[in-house]
PDB file of N, CA and C in Angstrom:
ATOM      1  N   MET A   1      27.681  -3.599  -3.459  1.00  0.00           N
ATOM      2  CA  MET A   1      26.261  -3.691  -3.207  1.00  0.00           C
ATOM      3  C   MET A   1      25.744  -4.950  -3.913  1.00  0.00           C
ATOM      4  N   ASP A   2      25.058  -5.826  -3.161  1.00  0.00           N
ATOM      5  CA  ASP A   2      24.534  -7.040  -3.782  1.00  0.00           C
ATOM      6  C   ASP A   2      23.213  -6.761  -4.494  1.00  0.00           C
ATOM      7  N   ARG A   3      22.697  -7.765  -5.169  1.00  0.00           N
ATOM      8  CA  ARG A   3      21.501  -7.589  -5.990  1.00  0.00           C
ATOM      9  C   ARG A   3      20.294  -7.151  -5.155  1.00  0.00           C
ATOM     10  N   GLU A   4      20.104  -7.738  -4.002  1.00  0.00           N
ATOM     11  CA  GLU A   4      18.964  -7.370  -3.150  1.00  0.00           C
ATOM     12  C   GLU A   4      19.041  -5.902  -2.734  1.00  0.00           C
ATOM     13  N   GLU A   5      20.230  -5.440  -2.394  1.00  0.00           N
ATOM     14  CA  GLU A   5      20.406  -4.029  -2.026  1.00  0.00           C
ATOM     15  C   GLU A   5      20.130  -3.108  -3.220  1.00  0.00           C
ATOM     16  N   ARG A   6      20.538  -3.525  -4.409  1.00  0.00           N
ATOM     17  CA  ARG A   6      20.268  -2.715  -5.609  1.00  0.00           C
ATOM     18  C   ARG A   6      18.776  -2.626  -5.896  1.00  0.00           C
ATOM     19  N   VAL A   7      18.075  -3.749  -5.742  1.00  0.00           N
ATOM     20  CA  VAL A   7      16.623  -3.745  -5.957  1.00  0.00           C
ATOM     21  C   VAL A   7      15.955  -2.846  -4.924  1.00  0.00           C
ATOM     22  N   ASP A   8      16.345  -2.982  -3.653  1.00  0.00           N
ATOM     23  CA  ASP A   8      15.783  -2.117  -2.606  1.00  0.00           C
ATOM     24  C   ASP A   8      16.051  -0.649  -2.905  1.00  0.00           C
ATOM     25  N   SER A   9      17.253  -0.360  -3.325  1.00  0.00           N
ATOM     26  CA  SER A   9      17.621   1.018  -3.641  1.00  0.00           C
ATOM     27  C   SER A   9      16.774   1.559  -4.787  1.00  0.00           C
ATOM     28  N   PHE A  10      16.583   0.729  -5.822  1.00  0.00           N
ATOM     29  CA  PHE A  10      15.753   1.149  -6.950  1.00  0.00           C
ATOM     30  C   PHE A  10      14.324   1.405  -6.501  1.00  0.00           C
ATOM     31  N   LEU A  11      13.766   0.462  -5.746  1.00  0.00           N
ATOM     32  CA  LEU A  11      12.383   0.628  -5.292  1.00  0.00           C
ATOM     33  C   LEU A  11      12.227   1.876  -4.428  1.00  0.00           C
ATOM     34  N   MET A  12      13.170   2.137  -3.572  1.00  0.00           N
ATOM     35  CA  MET A  12      13.079   3.318  -2.703  1.00  0.00           C
ATOM     36  C   MET A  12      13.235   4.608  -3.498  1.00  0.00           C
ATOM     37  N   SER A  13      13.925   4.547  -4.627  1.00  0.00           N
ATOM     38  CA  SER A  13      14.066   5.753  -5.454  1.00  0.00           C
ATOM     39  C   SER A  13      12.737   6.146  -6.091  1.00  0.00           C
ATOM     40  N   LEU A  14      11.809   5.217  -6.160  1.00  0.00           N
ATOM     41  CA  LEU A  14      10.489   5.477  -6.729  1.00  0.00           C
ATOM     42  C   LEU A  14       9.507   6.017  -5.695  1.00  0.00           C
ATOM     43  N   GLU A  15       9.880   6.000  -4.442  1.00  0.00           N
ATOM     44  CA  GLU A  15       8.956   6.286  -3.349  1.00  0.00           C
ATOM     45  C   GLU A  15       8.805   7.780  -3.093  1.00  0.00           C
ATOM     46  N   PRO A  16       7.700   8.364  -3.541  1.00  0.00           N
ATOM     47  CA  PRO A  16       7.435   9.769  -3.190  1.00  0.00           C
ATOM     48  C   PRO A  16       6.887   9.850  -1.768  1.00  0.00           C
ATOM     49  N   ASP A  17       6.770  11.046  -1.265  1.00  0.00           N
ATOM     50  CA  ASP A  17       6.193  11.220   0.064  1.00  0.00           C
ATOM     51  C   ASP A  17       4.748  10.759   0.062  1.00  0.00           C
ATOM     52  N   LEU A  18       4.339  10.219   1.197  1.00  0.00           N
ATOM     53  CA  LEU A  18       2.948   9.807   1.341  1.00  0.00           C
ATOM     54  C   LEU A  18       2.082  11.020   1.667  1.00  0.00           C
ATOM     55  N   PRO A  19       0.836  11.001   1.222  1.00  0.00           N
ATOM     56  CA  PRO A  19      -0.088  12.046   1.674  1.00  0.00           C
ATOM     57  C   PRO A  19      -0.222  11.966   3.204  1.00  0.00           C
ATOM     58  N   GLU A  20      -0.532  13.082   3.808  1.00  0.00           N
ATOM     59  CA  GLU A  20      -0.574  13.141   5.273  1.00  0.00           C
ATOM     60  C   GLU A  20      -1.530  12.117   5.886  1.00  0.00           C
ATOM     61  N   TYR A  21      -2.680  11.894   5.260  1.00  0.00           N
ATOM     62  CA  TYR A  21      -3.633  10.948   5.838  1.00  0.00           C
ATOM     63  C   TYR A  21      -3.083   9.519   5.814  1.00  0.00           C
ATOM     64  N   LEU A  22      -2.292   9.166   4.779  1.00  0.00           N
ATOM     65  CA  LEU A  22      -1.686   7.841   4.750  1.00  0.00           C
ATOM     66  C   LEU A  22      -0.558   7.724   5.766  1.00  0.00           C
ATOM     67  N   GLU A  23       0.196   8.787   5.950  1.00  0.00           N
ATOM     68  CA  GLU A  23       1.226   8.804   7.007  1.00  0.00           C
ATOM     69  C   GLU A  23       0.584   8.524   8.359  1.00  0.00           C
ATOM     70  N   ARG A  24      -0.553   9.163   8.609  1.00  0.00           N
ATOM     71  CA  ARG A  24      -1.256   9.008   9.890  1.00  0.00           C
ATOM     72  C   ARG A  24      -1.763   7.569  10.058  1.00  0.00           C
ATOM     73  N   ILE A  25      -2.366   7.012   9.008  1.00  0.00           N
ATOM     74  CA  ILE A  25      -2.857   5.635   9.081  1.00  0.00           C
ATOM     75  C   ILE A  25      -1.702   4.670   9.336  1.00  0.00           C
ATOM     76  N   CYS A  26      -0.598   4.879   8.645  1.00  0.00           N
ATOM     77  CA  CYS A  26       0.581   4.016   8.811  1.00  0.00           C
ATOM     78  C   CYS A  26       1.119   4.104  10.232  1.00  0.00           C
ATOM     79  N   LYS A  27       1.245   5.305  10.735  1.00  0.00           N
ATOM     80  CA  LYS A  27       1.761   5.500  12.097  1.00  0.00           C
ATOM     81  C   LYS A  27       0.850   4.838  13.125  1.00  0.00           C
ATOM     82  N   GLU A  28      -0.456   5.031  12.990  1.00  0.00           N
ATOM     83  CA  GLU A  28      -1.399   4.429  13.933  1.00  0.00           C
ATOM     84  C   GLU A  28      -1.362   2.904  13.846  1.00  0.00           C
ATOM     85  N   ALA A  29      -1.250   2.369  12.652  1.00  0.00           N
ATOM     86  CA  ALA A  29      -1.191   0.919  12.489  1.00  0.00           C
ATOM     87  C   ALA A  29       0.046   0.353  13.177  1.00  0.00           C
ATOM     88  N   ILE A  30       1.175   1.011  12.984  1.00  0.00           N
ATOM     89  CA  ILE A  30       2.416   0.545  13.621  1.00  0.00           C
ATOM     90  C   ILE A  30       2.287   0.609  15.139  1.00  0.00           C
ATOM     91  N   GLU A  31       1.718   1.698  15.643  1.00  0.00           N
ATOM     92  CA  GLU A  31       1.528   1.824  17.092  1.00  0.00           C
ATOM     93  C   GLU A  31       0.597   0.741  17.636  1.00  0.00           C
ATOM     94  N   ASP A  32      -0.415   0.360  16.849  1.00  0.00           N
ATOM     95  CA  ASP A  32      -1.382  -0.658  17.264  1.00  0.00           C
ATOM     96  C   ASP A  32      -0.950  -2.073  16.894  1.00  0.00           C
ATOM     97  N   ARG A  33       0.262  -2.185  16.352  1.00  0.00           N
ATOM     98  CA  ARG A  33       0.842  -3.471  15.968  1.00  0.00           C
ATOM     99  C   ARG A  33       0.034  -4.188  14.891  1.00  0.00           C
ATOM    100  N   VAL A  34      -0.491  -3.393  13.968  1.00  0.00           N
ATOM    101  CA  VAL A  34      -1.204  -3.933  12.807  1.00  0.00           C
ATOM    102  C   VAL A  34      -0.215  -3.938  11.643  1.00  0.00           C
ATOM    103  N   PRO A  35      -0.095  -5.057  10.954  1.00  0.00           N
ATOM    104  CA  PRO A  35       0.869  -5.120   9.853  1.00  0.00           C
ATOM    105  C   PRO A  35       0.581  -4.091   8.757  1.00  0.00           C
ATOM    106  N   VAL A  36       1.632  -3.449   8.286  1.00  0.00           N
ATOM    107  CA  VAL A  36       1.562  -2.484   7.187  1.00  0.00           C
ATOM    108  C   VAL A  36       2.691  -2.833   6.217  1.00  0.00           C
ATOM    109  N   VAL A  37       2.417  -2.683   4.929  1.00  0.00           N
ATOM    110  CA  VAL A  37       3.441  -3.017   3.938  1.00  0.00           C
ATOM    111  C   VAL A  37       4.692  -2.160   4.137  1.00  0.00           C
ATOM    112  N   ARG A  38       5.831  -2.788   3.908  1.00  0.00           N
ATOM    113  CA  ARG A  38       7.108  -2.084   4.040  1.00  0.00           C
ATOM    114  C   ARG A  38       7.279  -1.057   2.928  1.00  0.00           C
ATOM    115  N   PRO A  39       8.173  -0.086   3.116  1.00  0.00           N
ATOM    116  CA  PRO A  39       8.373   0.950   2.092  1.00  0.00           C
ATOM    117  C   PRO A  39       8.717   0.389   0.714  1.00  0.00           C
ATOM    118  N   GLN A  40       9.520  -0.670   0.644  1.00  0.00           N
ATOM    119  CA  GLN A  40       9.872  -1.244  -0.652  1.00  0.00           C
ATOM    120  C   GLN A  40       8.628  -1.822  -1.341  1.00  0.00           C
ATOM    121  N   THR A  41       7.769  -2.451  -0.554  1.00  0.00           N
ATOM    122  CA  THR A  41       6.532  -3.017  -1.100  1.00  0.00           C
ATOM    123  C   THR A  41       5.598  -1.906  -1.540  1.00  0.00           C
ATOM    124  N   ARG A  42       5.541  -0.831  -0.772  1.00  0.00           N
ATOM    125  CA  ARG A  42       4.727   0.333  -1.164  1.00  0.00           C
ATOM    126  C   ARG A  42       5.174   0.853  -2.529  1.00  0.00           C
ATOM    127  N   SER A  43       6.474   0.989  -2.700  1.00  0.00           N
ATOM    128  CA  SER A  43       7.006   1.480  -3.974  1.00  0.00           C
ATOM    129  C   SER A  43       6.646   0.551  -5.115  1.00  0.00           C
ATOM    130  N   LEU A  44       6.778  -0.746  -4.879  1.00  0.00           N
ATOM    131  CA  LEU A  44       6.453  -1.719  -5.919  1.00  0.00           C
ATOM    132  C   LEU A  44       4.957  -1.665  -6.256  1.00  0.00           C
ATOM    133  N   LEU A  45       4.089  -1.608  -5.253  1.00  0.00           N
ATOM    134  CA  LEU A  45       2.651  -1.516  -5.507  1.00  0.00           C
ATOM    135  C   LEU A  45       2.317  -0.272  -6.319  1.00  0.00           C
ATOM    136  N   ARG A  46       2.869   0.856  -5.919  1.00  0.00           N
ATOM    137  CA  ARG A  46       2.614   2.099  -6.662  1.00  0.00           C
ATOM    138  C   ARG A  46       3.081   1.983  -8.105  1.00  0.00           C
ATOM    139  N   PHE A  47       4.279   1.453  -8.283  1.00  0.00           N
ATOM    140  CA  PHE A  47       4.845   1.292  -9.619  1.00  0.00           C
ATOM    141  C   PHE A  47       3.946   0.407 -10.485  1.00  0.00           C
ATOM    142  N   LEU A  48       3.519  -0.724  -9.928  1.00  0.00           N
ATOM    143  CA  LEU A  48       2.682  -1.649 -10.687  1.00  0.00           C
ATOM    144  C   LEU A  48       1.337  -1.024 -11.052  1.00  0.00           C
ATOM    145  N   VAL A  49       0.727  -0.325 -10.116  1.00  0.00           N
ATOM    146  CA  VAL A  49      -0.568   0.306 -10.395  1.00  0.00           C
ATOM    147  C   VAL A  49      -0.416   1.396 -11.449  1.00  0.00           C
ATOM    148  N   LYS A  50       0.639   2.198 -11.330  1.00  0.00           N
ATOM    149  CA  LYS A  50       0.834   3.286 -12.300  1.00  0.00           C
ATOM    150  C   LYS A  50       1.145   2.766 -13.697  1.00  0.00           C
ATOM    151  N   THR A  51       1.909   1.689 -13.790  1.00  0.00           N
ATOM    152  CA  THR A  51       2.303   1.199 -15.106  1.00  0.00           C
ATOM    153  C   THR A  51       1.280   0.254 -15.724  1.00  0.00           C
ATOM    154  N   ARG A  52       0.623  -0.558 -14.919  1.00  0.00           N
ATOM    155  CA  ARG A  52      -0.338  -1.530 -15.441  1.00  0.00           C
ATOM    156  C   ARG A  52      -1.743  -0.944 -15.597  1.00  0.00           C
ATOM    157  N   ARG A  53      -2.044   0.097 -14.839  1.00  0.00           N
ATOM    158  CA  ARG A  53      -3.350   0.762 -14.884  1.00  0.00           C
ATOM    159  C   ARG A  53      -4.524  -0.221 -14.816  1.00  0.00           C
ATOM    160  N   PRO A  54      -4.594  -0.994 -13.730  1.00  0.00           N
ATOM    161  CA  PRO A  54      -5.684  -1.968 -13.634  1.00  0.00           C
ATOM    162  C   PRO A  54      -7.036  -1.280 -13.478  1.00  0.00           C
ATOM    163  N   GLN A  55      -8.053  -1.927 -13.993  1.00  0.00           N
ATOM    164  CA  GLN A  55      -9.411  -1.407 -13.829  1.00  0.00           C
ATOM    165  C   GLN A  55     -10.003  -1.856 -12.506  1.00  0.00           C
ATOM    166  N   THR A  56      -9.564  -3.028 -12.035  1.00  0.00           N
ATOM    167  CA  THR A  56     -10.027  -3.556 -10.756  1.00  0.00           C
ATOM    168  C   THR A  56      -8.845  -4.117  -9.980  1.00  0.00           C
ATOM    169  N   ILE A  57      -8.948  -4.023  -8.663  1.00  0.00           N
ATOM    170  CA  ILE A  57      -7.930  -4.577  -7.761  1.00  0.00           C
ATOM    171  C   ILE A  57      -8.672  -5.299  -6.644  1.00  0.00           C
ATOM    172  N   LEU A  58      -8.206  -6.479  -6.274  1.00  0.00           N
ATOM    173  CA  LEU A  58      -8.733  -7.204  -5.126  1.00  0.00           C
ATOM    174  C   LEU A  58      -7.637  -7.263  -4.079  1.00  0.00           C
ATOM    175  N   GLU A  59      -7.941  -6.750  -2.910  1.00  0.00           N
ATOM    176  CA  GLU A  59      -6.984  -6.818  -1.798  1.00  0.00           C
ATOM    177  C   GLU A  59      -7.535  -7.785  -0.764  1.00  0.00           C
ATOM    178  N   VAL A  60      -6.757  -8.816  -0.441  1.00  0.00           N
ATOM    179  CA  VAL A  60      -7.144  -9.797   0.557  1.00  0.00           C
ATOM    180  C   VAL A  60      -6.382  -9.485   1.833  1.00  0.00           C
ATOM    181  N   GLY A  61      -7.120  -9.154   2.888  1.00  0.00           N
ATOM    182  CA  GLY A  61      -6.510  -8.760   4.150  1.00  0.00           C
ATOM    183  C   GLY A  61      -6.422  -7.255   4.244  1.00  0.00           C
ATOM    184  N   THR A  62      -7.536  -6.610   4.469  1.00  0.00           N
ATOM    185  CA  THR A  62      -7.611  -5.154   4.447  1.00  0.00           C
ATOM    186  C   THR A  62      -6.877  -4.493   5.605  1.00  0.00           C
ATOM    187  N   ALA A  63      -6.969  -5.079   6.794  1.00  0.00           N
ATOM    188  CA  ALA A  63      -6.395  -4.485   8.016  1.00  0.00           C
ATOM    189  C   ALA A  63      -6.923  -3.064   8.196  1.00  0.00           C
ATOM    190  N   THR A  64      -6.082  -2.053   7.994  1.00  0.00           N
ATOM    191  CA  THR A  64      -6.509  -0.656   8.179  1.00  0.00           C
ATOM    192  C   THR A  64      -6.916   0.007   6.872  1.00  0.00           C
ATOM    193  N   GLY A  65      -6.746  -0.672   5.761  1.00  0.00           N
ATOM    194  CA  GLY A  65      -7.062  -0.095   4.462  1.00  0.00           C
ATOM    195  C   GLY A  65      -5.905   0.684   3.856  1.00  0.00           C
ATOM    196  N   PHE A  66      -4.764   0.684   4.514  1.00  0.00           N
ATOM    197  CA  PHE A  66      -3.610   1.454   4.063  1.00  0.00           C
ATOM    198  C   PHE A  66      -3.208   1.098   2.624  1.00  0.00           C
ATOM    199  N   SER A  67      -3.041  -0.184   2.347  1.00  0.00           N
ATOM    200  CA  SER A  67      -2.586  -0.596   1.010  1.00  0.00           C
ATOM    201  C   SER A  67      -3.608  -0.256  -0.065  1.00  0.00           C
ATOM    202  N   ALA A  68      -4.890  -0.452   0.248  1.00  0.00           N
ATOM    203  CA  ALA A  68      -5.936  -0.127  -0.723  1.00  0.00           C
ATOM    204  C   ALA A  68      -5.911   1.364  -1.044  1.00  0.00           C
ATOM    205  N   LEU A  69      -5.773   2.188  -0.022  1.00  0.00           N
ATOM    206  CA  LEU A  69      -5.716   3.640  -0.236  1.00  0.00           C
ATOM    207  C   LEU A  69      -4.444   4.039  -0.980  1.00  0.00           C
ATOM    208  N   LEU A  70      -3.355   3.370  -0.666  1.00  0.00           N
ATOM    209  CA  LEU A  70      -2.091   3.630  -1.368  1.00  0.00           C
ATOM    210  C   LEU A  70      -2.240   3.332  -2.856  1.00  0.00           C
ATOM    211  N   MET A  71      -2.866   2.195  -3.170  1.00  0.00           N
ATOM    212  CA  MET A  71      -3.054   1.837  -4.576  1.00  0.00           C
ATOM    213  C   MET A  71      -4.043   2.794  -5.246  1.00  0.00           C
ATOM    214  N   TRP A  72      -5.058   3.217  -4.523  1.00  0.00           N
ATOM    215  CA  TRP A  72      -6.013   4.173  -5.086  1.00  0.00           C
ATOM    216  C   TRP A  72      -5.310   5.488  -5.425  1.00  0.00           C
ATOM    217  N   GLU A  73      -4.427   5.943  -4.540  1.00  0.00           N
ATOM    218  CA  GLU A  73      -3.659   7.171  -4.794  1.00  0.00           C
ATOM    219  C   GLU A  73      -2.819   7.039  -6.064  1.00  0.00           C
ATOM    220  N   ALA A  74      -2.295   5.841  -6.317  1.00  0.00           N
ATOM    221  CA  ALA A  74      -1.447   5.623  -7.495  1.00  0.00           C
ATOM    222  C   ALA A  74      -2.265   5.378  -8.759  1.00  0.00           C
ATOM    223  N   SER A  75      -3.544   5.114  -8.603  1.00  0.00           N
ATOM    224  CA  SER A  75      -4.389   4.791  -9.753  1.00  0.00           C
ATOM    225  C   SER A  75      -4.871   6.061 -10.440  1.00  0.00           C
ATOM    226  N   ASP A  76      -5.628   5.847 -11.505  1.00  0.00           N
ATOM    227  CA  ASP A  76      -6.213   6.989 -12.209  1.00  0.00           C
ATOM    228  C   ASP A  76      -7.539   7.402 -11.568  1.00  0.00           C
ATOM    229  N   ARG A  77      -7.797   6.895 -10.406  1.00  0.00           N
ATOM    230  CA  ARG A  77      -8.987   7.201  -9.592  1.00  0.00           C
ATOM    231  C   ARG A  77     -10.263   6.618 -10.181  1.00  0.00           C
ATOM    232  N   GLN A  78     -10.170   5.894 -11.260  1.00  0.00           N
ATOM    233  CA  GLN A  78     -11.321   5.187 -11.826  1.00  0.00           C
ATOM    234  C   GLN A  78     -11.259   3.697 -11.475  1.00  0.00           C
ATOM    235  N   THR A  79     -10.145   3.283 -10.883  1.00  0.00           N
ATOM    236  CA  THR A  79      -9.942   1.891 -10.522  1.00  0.00           C
ATOM    237  C   THR A  79     -10.896   1.501  -9.405  1.00  0.00           C
ATOM    238  N   LYS A  80     -11.528   0.350  -9.539  1.00  0.00           N
ATOM    239  CA  LYS A  80     -12.403  -0.168  -8.492  1.00  0.00           C
ATOM    240  C   LYS A  80     -11.578  -1.103  -7.621  1.00  0.00           C
ATOM    241  N   ILE A  81     -11.518  -0.801  -6.332  1.00  0.00           N
ATOM    242  CA  ILE A  81     -10.747  -1.614  -5.391  1.00  0.00           C
ATOM    243  C   ILE A  81     -11.717  -2.296  -4.438  1.00  0.00           C
ATOM    244  N   THR A  82     -11.633  -3.614  -4.383  1.00  0.00           N
ATOM    245  CA  THR A  82     -12.434  -4.411  -3.458  1.00  0.00           C
ATOM    246  C   THR A  82     -11.492  -4.975  -2.410  1.00  0.00           C
ATOM    247  N   THR A  83     -11.874  -4.850  -1.142  1.00  0.00           N
ATOM    248  CA  THR A  83     -11.043  -5.372  -0.068  1.00  0.00           C
ATOM    249  C   THR A  83     -11.832  -6.420   0.715  1.00  0.00           C
ATOM    250  N   ILE A  84     -11.108  -7.386   1.238  1.00  0.00           N
ATOM    251  CA  ILE A  84     -11.709  -8.459   2.027  1.00  0.00           C
ATOM    252  C   ILE A  84     -10.945  -8.548   3.348  1.00  0.00           C
ATOM    253  N   GLU A  85     -11.677  -8.563   4.442  1.00  0.00           N
ATOM    254  CA  GLU A  85     -11.062  -8.729   5.766  1.00  0.00           C
ATOM    255  C   GLU A  85     -11.908  -9.712   6.551  1.00  0.00           C
ATOM    256  N   LYS A  86     -11.282 -10.744   7.100  1.00  0.00           N
ATOM    257  CA  LYS A  86     -12.039 -11.728   7.871  1.00  0.00           C
ATOM    258  C   LYS A  86     -11.834 -11.580   9.384  1.00  0.00           C
ATOM    259  N   PHE A  87     -10.815 -10.821   9.802  1.00  0.00           N
ATOM    260  CA  PHE A  87     -10.559 -10.639  11.232  1.00  0.00           C
ATOM    261  C   PHE A  87     -11.591  -9.657  11.782  1.00  0.00           C
ATOM    262  N   GLU A  88     -12.560 -10.180  12.520  1.00  0.00           N
ATOM    263  CA  GLU A  88     -13.720  -9.388  12.921  1.00  0.00           C
ATOM    264  C   GLU A  88     -13.366  -8.106  13.676  1.00  0.00           C
ATOM    265  N   LYS A  89     -12.298  -8.126  14.439  1.00  0.00           N
ATOM    266  CA  LYS A  89     -11.894  -6.930  15.192  1.00  0.00           C
ATOM    267  C   LYS A  89     -11.533  -5.777  14.253  1.00  0.00           C
ATOM    268  N   ARG A  90     -10.985  -6.088  13.082  1.00  0.00           N
ATOM    269  CA  ARG A  90     -10.538  -5.033  12.162  1.00  0.00           C
ATOM    270  C   ARG A  90     -11.627  -4.559  11.200  1.00  0.00           C
ATOM    271  N   ILE A  91     -12.667  -5.344  11.019  1.00  0.00           N
ATOM    272  CA  ILE A  91     -13.689  -4.999  10.038  1.00  0.00           C
ATOM    273  C   ILE A  91     -14.271  -3.599  10.290  1.00  0.00           C
ATOM    274  N   PRO A  92     -14.680  -3.255  11.505  1.00  0.00           N
ATOM    275  CA  PRO A  92     -15.244  -1.910  11.705  1.00  0.00           C
ATOM    276  C   PRO A  92     -14.216  -0.801  11.507  1.00  0.00           C
ATOM    277  N   ILE A  93     -12.966  -1.082  11.753  1.00  0.00           N
ATOM    278  CA  ILE A  93     -11.919  -0.059  11.628  1.00  0.00           C
ATOM    279  C   ILE A  93     -11.717   0.268  10.181  1.00  0.00           C
TER     280      ILE A  93
END
């Protein structure tokens, strides 16, 4: 197993099941061809939020809000998350 495979394996070992509403958002985004973070990136984001405990997070490129909600789930729920989306079609979504 090379280093990249070991890192992927480690990150995936951290990945708990997603809440049902996030599963639904992810599935709909994939069906609508909206980019969603890969499972390894999800694990890394969760790990960083849980260990660093940021008070604020800025997400650039909200799309469906999946990543922001994922980070909120991993936070202590006091974290303020600001998202920015410039693609007008996605803003109302």
